[in-house]
Each structure stands twice: as structure tokens, then as C-alpha cells.
Amino acid sequence: MPYEIQEEDILVKAETGWKDVQDARWKIFETHTPPSHTKLDRVQRGQHAGGRSIRNFIEHKQPDPVICGLIHEHAVSIL
């Protein structure tokens, strides 16, 4: 993808944002990429393509709800 954030950068951004809301009663974590190894991150060929750092962050911080987007796939033609 033309704009793909590295796992380490995703974690830094999530941790930085968490500091801004750590005292809030409810903490909502929203990300475009789904967490790794869930029902939401399987691509057409069956592999998991979600974010490892996103999953680790969720497991560690336990936000109240997690809202995530999707993984973009496209068909690859073999000549």
C-alpha cells in the first residue's frame, strides 16, 4: 500500500493517544486495520493480515470498545 504505517509506529501512536484519555471513564480504541489473528483480519486466501501491535495494545490496555475497519484486497491475475 502507498501509505502503510509500520507496526512500531502504530504502537507509538496508540500509546501517545492513550495518554490523552487514560483518566477518562470510557476509552474507545478505533483503528483502520483490525487486530491480528481475529475473525476480522483473514484475507481471501485465509492468512491473517491484521496488526500485531494493535492486538498487543488491545490486550494490554483493554479499551472499553474497539472499533476497526477492514483490510484492502485486490485480485491478482496470473498471466
PDB file of N, CA and C in Angstrom:
ATOM      1  N   MET A   1       0.845  -1.179   0.000  1.00  0.00           N
ATOM      2  CA  MET A   1       0.000   0.000   0.000  1.00  0.00           C
ATOM      3  C   MET A   1       0.892   1.245   0.000  1.00  0.00           C
ATOM      4  N   PRO A   2       0.465   2.291  -0.662  1.00  0.00           N
ATOM      5  CA  PRO A   2       1.279   3.510  -0.702  1.00  0.00           C
ATOM      6  C   PRO A   2       1.476   4.131   0.678  1.00  0.00           C
ATOM      7  N   TYR A   3       0.479   4.009   1.529  1.00  0.00           N
ATOM      8  CA  TYR A   3       0.585   4.594   2.856  1.00  0.00           C
ATOM      9  C   TYR A   3       0.341   3.495   3.873  1.00  0.00           C
ATOM     10  N   GLU A   4       1.406   2.891   4.328  1.00  0.00           N
ATOM     11  CA  GLU A   4       1.280   1.812   5.299  1.00  0.00           C
ATOM     12  C   GLU A   4       2.202   2.130   6.470  1.00  0.00           C
ATOM     13  N   ILE A   5       1.629   2.211   7.651  1.00  0.00           N
ATOM     14  CA  ILE A   5       2.390   2.548   8.839  1.00  0.00           C
ATOM     15  C   ILE A   5       3.036   1.280   9.394  1.00  0.00           C
ATOM     16  N   GLN A   6       4.277   1.385   9.790  1.00  0.00           N
ATOM     17  CA  GLN A   6       4.997   0.257  10.374  1.00  0.00           C
ATOM     18  C   GLN A   6       4.414  -0.096  11.742  1.00  0.00           C
ATOM     19  N   GLU A   7       4.521  -1.359  12.133  1.00  0.00           N
ATOM     20  CA  GLU A   7       3.971  -1.833  13.408  1.00  0.00           C
ATOM     21  C   GLU A   7       4.455  -0.992  14.586  1.00  0.00           C
ATOM     22  N   GLU A   8       5.743  -0.670  14.618  1.00  0.00           N
ATOM     23  CA  GLU A   8       6.300   0.101  15.722  1.00  0.00           C
ATOM     24  C   GLU A   8       5.678   1.493  15.792  1.00  0.00           C
ATOM     25  N   ASP A   9       5.445   2.105  14.637  1.00  0.00           N
ATOM     26  CA  ASP A   9       4.844   3.440  14.587  1.00  0.00           C
ATOM     27  C   ASP A   9       3.377   3.411  15.035  1.00  0.00           C
ATOM     28  N   ILE A  10       2.679   2.333  14.697  1.00  0.00           N
ATOM     29  CA  ILE A  10       1.287   2.187  15.136  1.00  0.00           C
ATOM     30  C   ILE A  10       1.241   2.145  16.654  1.00  0.00           C
ATOM     31  N   LEU A  11       2.130   1.390  17.252  1.00  0.00           N
ATOM     32  CA  LEU A  11       2.155   1.271  18.707  1.00  0.00           C
ATOM     33  C   LEU A  11       2.474   2.607  19.365  1.00  0.00           C
ATOM     34  N   VAL A  12       3.422   3.350  18.830  1.00  0.00           N
ATOM     35  CA  VAL A  12       3.769   4.670  19.375  1.00  0.00           C
ATOM     36  C   VAL A  12       2.561   5.595  19.309  1.00  0.00           C
ATOM     37  N   LYS A  13       1.869   5.608  18.176  1.00  0.00           N
ATOM     38  CA  LYS A  13       0.684   6.472  18.036  1.00  0.00           C
ATOM     39  C   LYS A  13      -0.422   6.058  19.004  1.00  0.00           C
ATOM     40  N   ALA A  14      -0.640   4.759  19.166  1.00  0.00           N
ATOM     41  CA  ALA A  14      -1.677   4.282  20.083  1.00  0.00           C
ATOM     42  C   ALA A  14      -1.332   4.644  21.526  1.00  0.00           C
ATOM     43  N   GLU A  15      -0.088   4.438  21.922  1.00  0.00           N
ATOM     44  CA  GLU A  15       0.339   4.764  23.286  1.00  0.00           C
ATOM     45  C   GLU A  15       0.235   6.263  23.550  1.00  0.00           C
ATOM     46  N   THR A  16       0.596   7.073  22.570  1.00  0.00           N
ATOM     47  CA  THR A  16       0.510   8.531  22.711  1.00  0.00           C
ATOM     48  C   THR A  16      -0.947   8.958  22.888  1.00  0.00           C
ATOM     49  N   GLY A  17      -1.840   8.413  22.088  1.00  0.00           N
ATOM     50  CA  GLY A  17      -3.261   8.727  22.206  1.00  0.00           C
ATOM     51  C   GLY A  17      -3.840   8.258  23.529  1.00  0.00           C
ATOM     52  N   TRP A  18      -3.385   7.109  23.996  1.00  0.00           N
ATOM     53  CA  TRP A  18      -3.886   6.558  25.264  1.00  0.00           C
ATOM     54  C   TRP A  18      -3.583   7.502  26.423  1.00  0.00           C
ATOM     55  N   LYS A  19      -2.399   8.117  26.390  1.00  0.00           N
ATOM     56  CA  LYS A  19      -2.028   9.062  27.451  1.00  0.00           C
ATOM     57  C   LYS A  19      -3.031  10.205  27.542  1.00  0.00           C
ATOM     58  N   ASP A  20      -3.587  10.612  26.413  1.00  0.00           N
ATOM     59  CA  ASP A  20      -4.558  11.715  26.390  1.00  0.00           C
ATOM     60  C   ASP A  20      -5.889  11.334  27.017  1.00  0.00           C
ATOM     61  N   VAL A  21      -6.215  10.041  27.065  1.00  0.00           N
ATOM     62  CA  VAL A  21      -7.526   9.617  27.568  1.00  0.00           C
ATOM     63  C   VAL A  21      -7.440   8.685  28.775  1.00  0.00           C
ATOM     64  N   GLN A  22      -6.254   8.476  29.299  1.00  0.00           N
ATOM     65  CA  GLN A  22      -6.083   7.473  30.353  1.00  0.00           C
ATOM     66  C   GLN A  22      -6.942   7.713  31.590  1.00  0.00           C
ATOM     67  N   ASP A  23      -7.341   8.953  31.845  1.00  0.00           N
ATOM     68  CA  ASP A  23      -8.185   9.243  33.007  1.00  0.00           C
ATOM     69  C   ASP A  23      -9.676   9.282  32.668  1.00  0.00           C
ATOM     70  N   ALA A  24     -10.013   9.068  31.415  1.00  0.00           N
ATOM     71  CA  ALA A  24     -11.419   9.093  31.002  1.00  0.00           C
ATOM     72  C   ALA A  24     -12.148   7.854  31.523  1.00  0.00           C
ATOM     73  N   ARG A  25     -13.435   8.003  31.760  1.00  0.00           N
ATOM     74  CA  ARG A  25     -14.220   6.871  32.237  1.00  0.00           C
ATOM     75  C   ARG A  25     -14.285   5.765  31.185  1.00  0.00           C
ATOM     76  N   TRP A  26     -14.544   6.144  29.945  1.00  0.00           N
ATOM     77  CA  TRP A  26     -14.632   5.189  28.839  1.00  0.00           C
ATOM     78  C   TRP A  26     -13.504   5.474  27.866  1.00  0.00           C
ATOM     79  N   LYS A  27     -12.866   4.435  27.419  1.00  0.00           N
ATOM     80  CA  LYS A  27     -11.786   4.574  26.445  1.00  0.00           C
ATOM     81  C   LYS A  27     -12.144   3.765  25.206  1.00  0.00           C
ATOM     82  N   ILE A  28     -12.290   4.455  24.095  1.00  0.00           N
ATOM     83  CA  ILE A  28     -12.661   3.834  22.825  1.00  0.00           C
ATOM     84  C   ILE A  28     -11.425   3.798  21.943  1.00  0.00           C
ATOM     85  N   PHE A  29     -11.102   2.622  21.430  1.00  0.00           N
ATOM     86  CA  PHE A  29      -9.956   2.479  20.537  1.00  0.00           C
ATOM     87  C   PHE A  29     -10.484   2.213  19.142  1.00  0.00           C
ATOM     88  N   GLU A  30     -10.133   3.091  18.212  1.00  0.00           N
ATOM     89  CA  GLU A  30     -10.588   2.970  16.831  1.00  0.00           C
ATOM     90  C   GLU A  30      -9.377   2.946  15.913  1.00  0.00           C
ATOM     91  N   THR A  31      -9.362   1.966  15.031  1.00  0.00           N
ATOM     92  CA  THR A  31      -8.245   1.831  14.096  1.00  0.00           C
ATOM     93  C   THR A  31      -8.758   1.306  12.761  1.00  0.00           C
ATOM     94  N   HIS A  32      -8.068   1.639  11.718  1.00  0.00           N
ATOM     95  CA  HIS A  32      -8.487   1.163  10.403  1.00  0.00           C
ATOM     96  C   HIS A  32      -8.203  -0.338  10.262  1.00  0.00           C
ATOM     97  N   THR A  33      -7.002  -0.729  10.569  1.00  0.00           N
ATOM     98  CA  THR A  33      -6.611  -2.137  10.450  1.00  0.00           C
ATOM     99  C   THR A  33      -7.136  -2.937  11.636  1.00  0.00           C
ATOM    100  N   PRO A  34      -7.706  -4.099  11.400  1.00  0.00           N
ATOM    101  CA  PRO A  34      -8.156  -4.938  12.519  1.00  0.00           C
ATOM    102  C   PRO A  34      -6.964  -5.568  13.243  1.00  0.00           C
ATOM    103  N   PRO A  35      -7.190  -5.993  14.491  1.00  0.00           N
ATOM    104  CA  PRO A  35      -6.113  -6.667  15.216  1.00  0.00           C
ATOM    105  C   PRO A  35      -5.792  -8.024  14.586  1.00  0.00           C
ATOM    106  N   SER A  36      -4.563  -8.432  14.750  1.00  0.00           N
ATOM    107  CA  SER A  36      -4.077  -9.691  14.196  1.00  0.00           C
ATOM    108  C   SER A  36      -4.746 -10.903  14.837  1.00  0.00           C
ATOM    109  N   HIS A  37      -4.888 -11.934  14.031  1.00  0.00           N
ATOM    110  CA  HIS A  37      -5.412 -13.241  14.453  1.00  0.00           C
ATOM    111  C   HIS A  37      -6.804 -13.145  15.088  1.00  0.00           C
ATOM    112  N   THR A  38      -7.689 -12.520  14.359  1.00  0.00           N
ATOM    113  CA  THR A  38      -9.097 -12.458  14.737  1.00  0.00           C
ATOM    114  C   THR A  38      -9.914 -12.871  13.524  1.00  0.00           C
ATOM    115  N   LYS A  39     -11.212 -12.964  13.680  1.00  0.00           N
ATOM    116  CA  LYS A  39     -12.079 -13.281  12.547  1.00  0.00           C
ATOM    117  C   LYS A  39     -12.101 -12.144  11.535  1.00  0.00           C
ATOM    118  N   LEU A  40     -11.710 -10.956  11.976  1.00  0.00           N
ATOM    119  CA  LEU A  40     -11.802  -9.778  11.117  1.00  0.00           C
ATOM    120  C   LEU A  40     -10.581  -9.556  10.234  1.00  0.00           C
ATOM    121  N   ASP A  41      -9.497 -10.269  10.477  1.00  0.00           N
ATOM    122  CA  ASP A  41      -8.281  -9.965   9.728  1.00  0.00           C
ATOM    123  C   ASP A  41      -7.899 -11.029   8.704  1.00  0.00           C
ATOM    124  N   ARG A  42      -8.776 -11.981   8.436  1.00  0.00           N
ATOM    125  CA  ARG A  42      -8.462 -13.011   7.437  1.00  0.00           C
ATOM    126  C   ARG A  42      -8.685 -12.459   6.034  1.00  0.00           C
ATOM    127  N   VAL A  43      -7.686 -12.682   5.193  1.00  0.00           N
ATOM    128  CA  VAL A  43      -7.817 -12.278   3.802  1.00  0.00           C
ATOM    129  C   VAL A  43      -8.361 -13.456   3.003  1.00  0.00           C
ATOM    130  N   GLN A  44      -8.625 -13.227   1.745  1.00  0.00           N
ATOM    131  CA  GLN A  44      -9.295 -14.222   0.907  1.00  0.00           C
ATOM    132  C   GLN A  44      -8.596 -15.576   0.916  1.00  0.00           C
ATOM    133  N   ARG A  45      -7.298 -15.582   0.965  1.00  0.00           N
ATOM    134  CA  ARG A  45      -6.551 -16.849   0.930  1.00  0.00           C
ATOM    135  C   ARG A  45      -6.424 -17.481   2.313  1.00  0.00           C
ATOM    136  N   GLY A  46      -7.026 -16.870   3.328  1.00  0.00           N
ATOM    137  CA  GLY A  46      -7.057 -17.464   4.657  1.00  0.00           C
ATOM    138  C   GLY A  46      -6.000 -16.990   5.630  1.00  0.00           C
ATOM    139  N   GLN A  47      -5.012 -16.238   5.159  1.00  0.00           N
ATOM    140  CA  GLN A  47      -3.978 -15.760   6.059  1.00  0.00           C
ATOM    141  C   GLN A  47      -4.504 -14.621   6.930  1.00  0.00           C
ATOM    142  N   HIS A  48      -3.882 -14.461   8.081  1.00  0.00           N
ATOM    143  CA  HIS A  48      -4.189 -13.327   8.951  1.00  0.00           C
ATOM    144  C   HIS A  48      -3.312 -12.159   8.524  1.00  0.00           C
ATOM    145  N   ALA A  49      -3.928 -10.998   8.345  1.00  0.00           N
ATOM    146  CA  ALA A  49      -3.190  -9.836   7.863  1.00  0.00           C
ATOM    147  C   ALA A  49      -3.375  -8.618   8.759  1.00  0.00           C
ATOM    148  N   GLY A  50      -3.903  -8.811   9.951  1.00  0.00           N
ATOM    149  CA  GLY A  50      -4.125  -7.689  10.858  1.00  0.00           C
ATOM    150  C   GLY A  50      -2.854  -7.231  11.547  1.00  0.00           C
ATOM    151  N   GLY A  51      -3.014  -6.206  12.370  1.00  0.00           N
ATOM    152  CA  GLY A  51      -1.869  -5.614  13.055  1.00  0.00           C
ATOM    153  C   GLY A  51      -1.521  -6.317  14.357  1.00  0.00           C
ATOM    154  N   ARG A  52      -0.277  -6.788  14.442  1.00  0.00           N
ATOM    155  CA  ARG A  52       0.192  -7.410  15.689  1.00  0.00           C
ATOM    156  C   ARG A  52       0.254  -6.387  16.818  1.00  0.00           C
ATOM    157  N   SER A  53       0.744  -5.184  16.497  1.00  0.00           N
ATOM    158  CA  SER A  53       0.854  -4.154  17.529  1.00  0.00           C
ATOM    159  C   SER A  53      -0.526  -3.714  18.009  1.00  0.00           C
ATOM    160  N   ILE A  54      -1.505  -3.739  17.119  1.00  0.00           N
ATOM    161  CA  ILE A  54      -2.872  -3.383  17.502  1.00  0.00           C
ATOM    162  C   ILE A  54      -3.421  -4.421  18.476  1.00  0.00           C
ATOM    163  N   ARG A  55      -3.222  -5.676  18.161  1.00  0.00           N
ATOM    164  CA  ARG A  55      -3.693  -6.730  19.065  1.00  0.00           C
ATOM    165  C   ARG A  55      -3.004  -6.646  20.425  1.00  0.00           C
ATOM    166  N   ASN A  56      -1.684  -6.454  20.439  1.00  0.00           N
ATOM    167  CA  ASN A  56      -0.953  -6.342  21.695  1.00  0.00           C
ATOM    168  C   ASN A  56      -1.435  -5.163  22.525  1.00  0.00           C
ATOM    169  N   PHE A  57      -1.677  -4.047  21.859  1.00  0.00           N
ATOM    170  CA  PHE A  57      -2.165  -2.860  22.545  1.00  0.00           C
ATOM    171  C   PHE A  57      -3.527  -3.135  23.194  1.00  0.00           C
ATOM    172  N   ILE A  58      -4.427  -3.741  22.451  1.00  0.00           N
ATOM    173  CA  ILE A  58      -5.770  -4.054  22.960  1.00  0.00           C
ATOM    174  C   ILE A  58      -5.691  -4.997  24.153  1.00  0.00           C
ATOM    175  N   GLU A  59      -4.876  -6.031  24.033  1.00  0.00           N
ATOM    176  CA  GLU A  59      -4.747  -6.984  25.132  1.00  0.00           C
ATOM    177  C   GLU A  59      -4.165  -6.327  26.381  1.00  0.00           C
ATOM    178  N   HIS A  60      -3.231  -5.417  26.201  1.00  0.00           N
ATOM    179  CA  HIS A  60      -2.575  -4.767  27.338  1.00  0.00           C
ATOM    180  C   HIS A  60      -3.449  -3.687  27.966  1.00  0.00           C
ATOM    181  N   LYS A  61      -4.047  -2.833  27.154  1.00  0.00           N
ATOM    182  CA  LYS A  61      -4.804  -1.675  27.668  1.00  0.00           C
ATOM    183  C   LYS A  61      -6.273  -1.983  27.938  1.00  0.00           C
ATOM    184  N   GLN A  62      -6.832  -2.972  27.270  1.00  0.00           N
ATOM    185  CA  GLN A  62      -8.233  -3.349  27.464  1.00  0.00           C
ATOM    186  C   GLN A  62      -9.204  -2.166  27.294  1.00  0.00           C
ATOM    187  N   PRO A  63      -9.204  -1.501  26.124  1.00  0.00           N
ATOM    188  CA  PRO A  63     -10.163  -0.416  25.911  1.00  0.00           C
ATOM    189  C   PRO A  63     -11.588  -0.952  25.993  1.00  0.00           C
ATOM    190  N   ASP A  64     -12.512  -0.057  26.288  1.00  0.00           N
ATOM    191  CA  ASP A  64     -13.899  -0.490  26.503  1.00  0.00           C
ATOM    192  C   ASP A  64     -14.497  -1.073  25.224  1.00  0.00           C
ATOM    193  N   PRO A  65     -14.705  -0.309  24.148  1.00  0.00           N
ATOM    194  CA  PRO A  65     -14.981  -0.947  22.861  1.00  0.00           C
ATOM    195  C   PRO A  65     -13.786  -0.744  21.939  1.00  0.00           C
ATOM    196  N   VAL A  66     -13.677  -1.637  20.971  1.00  0.00           N
ATOM    197  CA  VAL A  66     -12.689  -1.500  19.905  1.00  0.00           C
ATOM    198  C   VAL A  66     -13.469  -1.448  18.608  1.00  0.00           C
ATOM    199  N   ILE A  67     -13.184  -0.453  17.805  1.00  0.00           N
ATOM    200  CA  ILE A  67     -13.827  -0.298  16.502  1.00  0.00           C
ATOM    201  C   ILE A  67     -12.717  -0.344  15.464  1.00  0.00           C
ATOM    202  N   CYS A  68     -12.872  -1.217  14.466  1.00  0.00           N
ATOM    203  CA  CYS A  68     -11.833  -1.286  13.452  1.00  0.00           C
ATOM    204  C   CYS A  68     -12.462  -1.336  12.067  1.00  0.00           C
ATOM    205  N   GLY A  69     -11.621  -1.056  11.108  1.00  0.00           N
ATOM    206  CA  GLY A  69     -12.063  -1.041   9.724  1.00  0.00           C
ATOM    207  C   GLY A  69     -11.839  -2.382   9.055  1.00  0.00           C
ATOM    208  N   LEU A  70     -11.142  -2.365   7.946  1.00  0.00           N
ATOM    209  CA  LEU A  70     -11.031  -3.530   7.106  1.00  0.00           C
ATOM    210  C   LEU A  70      -9.655  -3.606   6.483  1.00  0.00           C
ATOM    211  N   ILE A  71      -9.420  -4.690   5.800  1.00  0.00           N
ATOM    212  CA  ILE A  71      -8.182  -4.881   5.059  1.00  0.00           C
ATOM    213  C   ILE A  71      -8.520  -4.795   3.578  1.00  0.00           C
ATOM    214  N   HIS A  72      -7.756  -4.002   2.845  1.00  0.00           N
ATOM    215  CA  HIS A  72      -7.983  -3.858   1.406  1.00  0.00           C
ATOM    216  C   HIS A  72      -7.312  -5.016   0.676  1.00  0.00           C
ATOM    217  N   GLU A  73      -8.053  -5.667  -0.173  1.00  0.00           N
ATOM    218  CA  GLU A  73      -7.511  -6.738  -1.011  1.00  0.00           C
ATOM    219  C   GLU A  73      -7.850  -6.420  -2.456  1.00  0.00           C
ATOM    220  N   HIS A  74      -7.069  -6.965  -3.335  1.00  0.00           N
ATOM    221  CA  HIS A  74      -7.406  -6.860  -4.755  1.00  0.00           C
ATOM    222  C   HIS A  74      -7.051  -8.172  -5.423  1.00  0.00           C
ATOM    223  N   ALA A  75      -7.710  -8.437  -6.499  1.00  0.00           N
ATOM    224  CA  ALA A  75      -7.452  -9.672  -7.243  1.00  0.00           C
ATOM    225  C   ALA A  75      -6.123  -9.546  -7.977  1.00  0.00           C
ATOM    226  N   VAL A  76      -5.355 -10.593  -7.937  1.00  0.00           N
ATOM    227  CA  VAL A  76      -4.088 -10.628  -8.657  1.00  0.00           C
ATOM    228  C   VAL A  76      -4.243 -11.613  -9.812  1.00  0.00           C
ATOM    229  N   SER A  77      -4.003 -11.133 -11.005  1.00  0.00           N
ATOM    230  CA  SER A  77      -4.152 -12.032 -12.150  1.00  0.00           C
ATOM    231  C   SER A  77      -2.802 -12.628 -12.518  1.00  0.00           C
ATOM    232  N   ILE A  78      -2.796 -13.881 -12.823  1.00  0.00           N
ATOM    233  CA  ILE A  78      -1.572 -14.571 -13.240  1.00  0.00           C
ATOM    234  C   ILE A  78      -1.651 -14.783 -14.744  1.00  0.00           C
ATOM    235  N   LEU A  79      -0.640 -14.314 -15.423  1.00  0.00           N
ATOM    236  CA  LEU A  79      -0.621 -14.438 -16.885  1.00  0.00           C
ATOM    237  C   LEU A  79      -0.070 -15.776 -17.306  1.00  0.00           C
TER     238      LEU A  79
END
